[in-house]
């Protein structure tokens, strides 16, 4: 009869474990845990959490790559801006040099004073244009480069005129 009692107790335990289960291991009891182990609930739960973790890791990886792309773009913009600023500085040095040479020519040739004054006004106008391009923060870099190229051509023509006046 003891085997019968044992079978009856085992059957009762199985019946009770099927009645009320909780999928959370911290909430359910021993019988709930046995039931969840037998029907695969715990494994499904672990698998769902693993998938959620992998999805979040994928999203994090995509965001990191996006940040890397943005950083690279930012570095490119900084390099382009630094190059443009260097060009502006060089242009200002060239204009300063032309002013200096022109001042020497004015002292040596009083008869060419009118031409020198006209060239001085052109140099000042070119310097003002270069300053406007440098201070312009709204124009795209490509347009700024085109304007800068036009100013370089104008500077070269003006430099030839100064050289002719100076007599080089």
C-alpha atoms as a PDB file:
ATOM      1  CA  UNK A   1       0.000   0.000   0.000  1.00  0.00           C
ATOM      2  CA  UNK A   2       2.870   2.288   0.371  1.00  0.00           C
ATOM      3  CA  UNK A   3       3.553   2.184  -3.319  1.00  0.00           C
ATOM      4  CA  UNK A   4      -0.061   3.112  -3.920  1.00  0.00           C
ATOM      5  CA  UNK A   5       0.214   6.014  -1.547  1.00  0.00           C
ATOM      6  CA  UNK A   6       3.371   7.091  -3.244  1.00  0.00           C
ATOM      7  CA  UNK A   7       1.733   6.916  -6.671  1.00  0.00           C
ATOM      8  CA  UNK A   8      -1.287   8.791  -5.373  1.00  0.00           C
ATOM      9  CA  UNK A   9       0.915  11.503  -3.859  1.00  0.00           C
ATOM     10  CA  UNK A  10       2.912  11.782  -7.076  1.00  0.00           C
ATOM     11  CA  UNK A  11      -0.269  12.003  -9.147  1.00  0.00           C
ATOM     12  CA  UNK A  12      -1.681  14.654  -6.813  1.00  0.00           C
ATOM     13  CA  UNK A  13       1.553  16.653  -7.055  1.00  0.00           C
ATOM     14  CA  UNK A  14       1.471  16.518 -10.838  1.00  0.00           C
ATOM     15  CA  UNK A  15      -2.168  17.555 -10.908  1.00  0.00           C
ATOM     16  CA  UNK A  16      -1.524  20.454  -8.563  1.00  0.00           C
ATOM     17  CA  UNK A  17       1.524  21.567 -10.498  1.00  0.00           C
ATOM     18  CA  UNK A  18      -0.550  21.801 -13.680  1.00  0.00           C
ATOM     19  CA  UNK A  19      -3.222  23.915 -11.989  1.00  0.00           C
ATOM     20  CA  UNK A  20      -1.522  27.112 -11.058  1.00  0.00           C
ATOM     21  CA  UNK A  21       1.900  28.091 -12.360  1.00  0.00           C
ATOM     22  CA  UNK A  22       3.838  31.310 -12.546  1.00  0.00           C
ATOM     23  CA  UNK A  23       6.409  31.908 -15.265  1.00  0.00           C
ATOM     24  CA  UNK A  24       8.600  34.008 -12.987  1.00  0.00           C
ATOM     25  CA  UNK A  25      10.956  31.725 -11.040  1.00  0.00           C
ATOM     26  CA  UNK A  26      11.093  34.163  -8.132  1.00  0.00           C
ATOM     27  CA  UNK A  27       7.293  34.178  -7.797  1.00  0.00           C
ATOM     28  CA  UNK A  28       6.303  30.564  -8.352  1.00  0.00           C
ATOM     29  CA  UNK A  29       6.870  27.763  -5.965  1.00  0.00           C
ATOM     30  CA  UNK A  30       8.535  24.413  -6.304  1.00  0.00           C
ATOM     31  CA  UNK A  31       5.676  22.851  -8.214  1.00  0.00           C
ATOM     32  CA  UNK A  32       5.408  25.826 -10.530  1.00  0.00           C
ATOM     33  CA  UNK A  33       9.128  25.561 -11.176  1.00  0.00           C
ATOM     34  CA  UNK A  34       8.845  21.866 -12.020  1.00  0.00           C
ATOM     35  CA  UNK A  35       5.978  22.565 -14.380  1.00  0.00           C
ATOM     36  CA  UNK A  36       7.872  25.389 -16.109  1.00  0.00           C
ATOM     37  CA  UNK A  37      10.945  23.194 -16.467  1.00  0.00           C
ATOM     38  CA  UNK A  38       8.888  20.407 -18.009  1.00  0.00           C
ATOM     39  CA  UNK A  39       6.926  22.503 -20.499  1.00  0.00           C
ATOM     40  CA  UNK A  40       9.925  24.694 -21.589  1.00  0.00           C
ATOM     41  CA  UNK A  41       8.589  28.017 -20.235  1.00  0.00           C
ATOM     42  CA  UNK A  42      11.895  28.914 -18.610  1.00  0.00           C
ATOM     43  CA  UNK A  43      13.844  28.169 -21.772  1.00  0.00           C
ATOM     44  CA  UNK A  44      11.469  30.310 -23.859  1.00  0.00           C
ATOM     45  CA  UNK A  45      11.811  33.091 -21.351  1.00  0.00           C
ATOM     46  CA  UNK A  46      15.622  32.920 -21.456  1.00  0.00           C
ATOM     47  CA  UNK A  47      15.535  32.809 -25.267  1.00  0.00           C
ATOM     48  CA  UNK A  48      13.245  35.873 -25.425  1.00  0.00           C
ATOM     49  CA  UNK A  49      15.551  37.803 -23.142  1.00  0.00           C
ATOM     50  CA  UNK A  50      18.582  36.720 -25.184  1.00  0.00           C
ATOM     51  CA  UNK A  51      16.898  37.939 -28.384  1.00  0.00           C
ATOM     52  CA  UNK A  52      16.007  41.256 -26.732  1.00  0.00           C
ATOM     53  CA  UNK A  53      19.626  41.646 -25.618  1.00  0.00           C
ATOM     54  CA  UNK A  54      20.926  40.887 -29.110  1.00  0.00           C
ATOM     55  CA  UNK A  55      18.484  43.394 -30.628  1.00  0.00           C
ATOM     56  CA  UNK A  56      19.629  46.087 -28.222  1.00  0.00           C
ATOM     57  CA  UNK A  57      23.257  45.273 -28.983  1.00  0.00           C
ATOM     58  CA  UNK A  58      22.536  45.611 -32.726  1.00  0.00           C
ATOM     59  CA  UNK A  59      20.869  48.970 -32.143  1.00  0.00           C
ATOM     60  CA  UNK A  60      23.833  50.081 -30.042  1.00  0.00           C
ATOM     61  CA  UNK A  61      26.247  48.991 -32.772  1.00  0.00           C
ATOM     62  CA  UNK A  62      24.287  50.934 -35.395  1.00  0.00           C
ATOM     63  CA  UNK A  63      24.327  54.017 -33.194  1.00  0.00           C
ATOM     64  CA  UNK A  64      28.074  53.686 -32.646  1.00  0.00           C
ATOM     65  CA  UNK A  65      28.637  53.453 -36.388  1.00  0.00           C
ATOM     66  CA  UNK A  66      26.443  56.489 -36.917  1.00  0.00           C
ATOM     67  CA  UNK A  67      28.479  58.413 -34.351  1.00  0.00           C
ATOM     68  CA  UNK A  68      31.696  57.351 -36.095  1.00  0.00           C
ATOM     69  CA  UNK A  69      30.339  58.554 -39.454  1.00  0.00           C
ATOM     70  CA  UNK A  70      29.313  61.885 -37.947  1.00  0.00           C
ATOM     71  CA  UNK A  71      32.713  62.281 -36.311  1.00  0.00           C
ATOM     72  CA  UNK A  72      34.426  61.610 -39.643  1.00  0.00           C
ATOM     73  CA  UNK A  73      32.210  64.161 -41.366  1.00  0.00           C
ATOM     74  CA  UNK A  74      32.925  66.666 -38.618  1.00  0.00           C
ATOM     75  CA  UNK A  75      36.671  66.101 -39.041  1.00  0.00           C
ATOM     76  CA  UNK A  76      36.335  66.645 -42.801  1.00  0.00           C
ATOM     77  CA  UNK A  77      34.465  69.902 -42.253  1.00  0.00           C
ATOM     78  CA  UNK A  78      37.073  71.036 -39.720  1.00  0.00           C
ATOM     79  CA  UNK A  79      39.894  70.235 -42.149  1.00  0.00           C
ATOM     80  CA  UNK A  80      38.134  72.090 -44.945  1.00  0.00           C
ATOM     81  CA  UNK A  81      37.525  75.073 -42.705  1.00  0.00           C
ATOM     82  CA  UNK A  82      41.149  75.088 -41.525  1.00  0.00           C
ATOM     83  CA  UNK A  83      42.344  75.014 -45.133  1.00  0.00           C
ATOM     84  CA  UNK A  84      40.050  77.928 -46.032  1.00  0.00           C
ATOM     85  CA  UNK A  85      41.264  79.913 -43.028  1.00  0.00           C
ATOM     86  CA  UNK A  86      44.872  79.255 -44.038  1.00  0.00           C
ATOM     87  CA  UNK A  87      44.029  80.524 -47.532  1.00  0.00           C
ATOM     88  CA  UNK A  88      42.499  83.670 -46.026  1.00  0.00           C
ATOM     89  CA  UNK A  89      45.572  84.243 -43.894  1.00  0.00           C
ATOM     90  CA  UNK A  90      47.862  83.782 -46.883  1.00  0.00           C
ATOM     91  CA  UNK A  91      45.757  86.180 -48.913  1.00  0.00           C
ATOM     92  CA  UNK A  92      45.983  88.786 -46.146  1.00  0.00           C
ATOM     93  CA  UNK A  93      49.765  88.330 -46.010  1.00  0.00           C
ATOM     94  CA  UNK A  94      49.968  88.731 -49.787  1.00  0.00           C
ATOM     95  CA  UNK A  95      47.842  91.880 -49.632  1.00  0.00           C
ATOM     96  CA  UNK A  96      50.011  93.255 -46.847  1.00  0.00           C
ATOM     97  CA  UNK A  97      53.108  92.544 -48.909  1.00  0.00           C
ATOM     98  CA  UNK A  98      51.571  94.299 -51.906  1.00  0.00           C
ATOM     99  CA  UNK A  99      50.740  97.310 -49.738  1.00  0.00           C
ATOM    100  CA  UNK A 100      54.341  97.440 -48.565  1.00  0.00           C
ATOM    101  CA  UNK A 101      55.731  97.238 -52.100  1.00  0.00           C
ATOM    102  CA  UNK A 102      53.258  99.822 -53.265  1.00  0.00           C
ATOM    103  CA  UNK A 103      54.286 102.171 -50.466  1.00  0.00           C
ATOM    104  CA  UNK A 104      57.901 101.868 -51.617  1.00  0.00           C
ATOM    105  CA  UNK A 105      56.863 102.595 -55.187  1.00  0.00           C
ATOM    106  CA  UNK A 106      54.895 105.637 -54.079  1.00  0.00           C
ATOM    107  CA  UNK A 107      57.926 107.041 -52.319  1.00  0.00           C
ATOM    108  CA  UNK A 108      60.188 106.413 -55.326  1.00  0.00           C
ATOM    109  CA  UNK A 109      57.834 107.701 -57.999  1.00  0.00           C
ATOM    110  CA  UNK A 110      55.803 110.733 -57.098  1.00  0.00           C
ATOM    111  CA  UNK A 111      54.699 111.018 -60.728  1.00  0.00           C
ATOM    112  CA  UNK A 112      52.920 107.686 -60.512  1.00  0.00           C
ATOM    113  CA  UNK A 113      51.008 108.697 -57.380  1.00  0.00           C
ATOM    114  CA  UNK A 114      47.598 108.688 -59.067  1.00  0.00           C
ATOM    115  CA  UNK A 115      48.108 105.159 -60.354  1.00  0.00           C
ATOM    116  CA  UNK A 116      49.398 104.048 -56.979  1.00  0.00           C
ATOM    117  CA  UNK A 117      46.368 105.579 -55.241  1.00  0.00           C
ATOM    118  CA  UNK A 118      44.016 103.770 -57.629  1.00  0.00           C
ATOM    119  CA  UNK A 119      45.840 100.493 -57.008  1.00  0.00           C
ATOM    120  CA  UNK A 120      45.696 101.139 -53.249  1.00  0.00           C
ATOM    121  CA  UNK A 121      41.907 101.501 -53.493  1.00  0.00           C
ATOM    122  CA  UNK A 122      41.715  98.269 -55.480  1.00  0.00           C
ATOM    123  CA  UNK A 123      43.833  96.478 -52.874  1.00  0.00           C
ATOM    124  CA  UNK A 124      41.602  97.794 -50.096  1.00  0.00           C
ATOM    125  CA  UNK A 125      38.483  96.711 -51.999  1.00  0.00           C
ATOM    126  CA  UNK A 126      39.955  93.245 -52.530  1.00  0.00           C
ATOM    127  CA  UNK A 127      40.834  93.012 -48.833  1.00  0.00           C
ATOM    128  CA  UNK A 128      37.243  93.962 -47.950  1.00  0.00           C
ATOM    129  CA  UNK A 129      35.892  91.269 -50.284  1.00  0.00           C
ATOM    130  CA  UNK A 130      38.232  88.671 -48.748  1.00  0.00           C
ATOM    131  CA  UNK A 131      37.120  89.683 -45.270  1.00  0.00           C
ATOM    132  CA  UNK A 132      33.451  89.323 -46.247  1.00  0.00           C
ATOM    133  CA  UNK A 133      34.086  85.822 -47.604  1.00  0.00           C
ATOM    134  CA  UNK A 134      35.978  84.889 -44.450  1.00  0.00           C
ATOM    135  CA  UNK A 135      33.218  86.132 -42.153  1.00  0.00           C
ATOM    136  CA  UNK A 136      30.414  84.539 -44.183  1.00  0.00           C
ATOM    137  CA  UNK A 137      29.149  81.579 -42.154  1.00  0.00           C
ATOM    138  CA  UNK A 138      25.999  80.862 -44.161  1.00  0.00           C
ATOM    139  CA  UNK A 139      27.416  80.163 -47.623  1.00  0.00           C
ATOM    140  CA  UNK A 140      28.251  76.515 -48.414  1.00  0.00           C
ATOM    141  CA  UNK A 141      31.956  75.617 -48.585  1.00  0.00           C
ATOM    142  CA  UNK A 142      31.828  74.945 -52.330  1.00  0.00           C
ATOM    143  CA  UNK A 143      30.477  78.444 -53.015  1.00  0.00           C
ATOM    144  CA  UNK A 144      33.034  79.950 -50.647  1.00  0.00           C
ATOM    145  CA  UNK A 145      35.811  78.129 -52.500  1.00  0.00           C
ATOM    146  CA  UNK A 146      34.507  79.467 -55.833  1.00  0.00           C
ATOM    147  CA  UNK A 147      34.442  83.001 -54.446  1.00  0.00           C
ATOM    148  CA  UNK A 148      37.906  82.512 -53.005  1.00  0.00           C
ATOM    149  CA  UNK A 149      39.194  81.317 -56.400  1.00  0.00           C
ATOM    150  CA  UNK A 150      37.727  84.419 -58.056  1.00  0.00           C
ATOM    151  CA  UNK A 151      39.418  86.598 -55.429  1.00  0.00           C
ATOM    152  CA  UNK A 152      42.727  84.817 -56.073  1.00  0.00           C
ATOM    153  CA  UNK A 153      42.438  85.581 -59.797  1.00  0.00           C
ATOM    154  CA  UNK A 154      41.628  89.202 -59.010  1.00  0.00           C
ATOM    155  CA  UNK A 155      44.605  89.303 -56.616  1.00  0.00           C
ATOM    156  CA  UNK A 156      46.917  87.915 -59.311  1.00  0.00           C
ATOM    157  CA  UNK A 157      45.783  90.552 -61.828  1.00  0.00           C
ATOM    158  CA  UNK A 158      46.214  93.268 -59.221  1.00  0.00           C
ATOM    159  CA  UNK A 159      49.641  91.939 -58.323  1.00  0.00           C
ATOM    160  CA  UNK A 160      50.703  92.167 -61.987  1.00  0.00           C
ATOM    161  CA  UNK A 161      49.571  95.788 -62.077  1.00  0.00           C
ATOM    162  CA  UNK A 162      51.513  96.563 -58.897  1.00  0.00           C
ATOM    163  CA  UNK A 163      54.589  94.843 -60.372  1.00  0.00           C
ATOM    164  CA  UNK A 164      54.280  96.953 -63.519  1.00  0.00           C
ATOM    165  CA  UNK A 165      54.007 100.108 -61.466  1.00  0.00           C
ATOM    166  CA  UNK A 166      56.933  99.140 -59.257  1.00  0.00           C
ATOM    167  CA  UNK A 167      58.967  98.172 -62.313  1.00  0.00           C
ATOM    168  CA  UNK A 168      59.862  94.606 -61.571  1.00  0.00           C
END
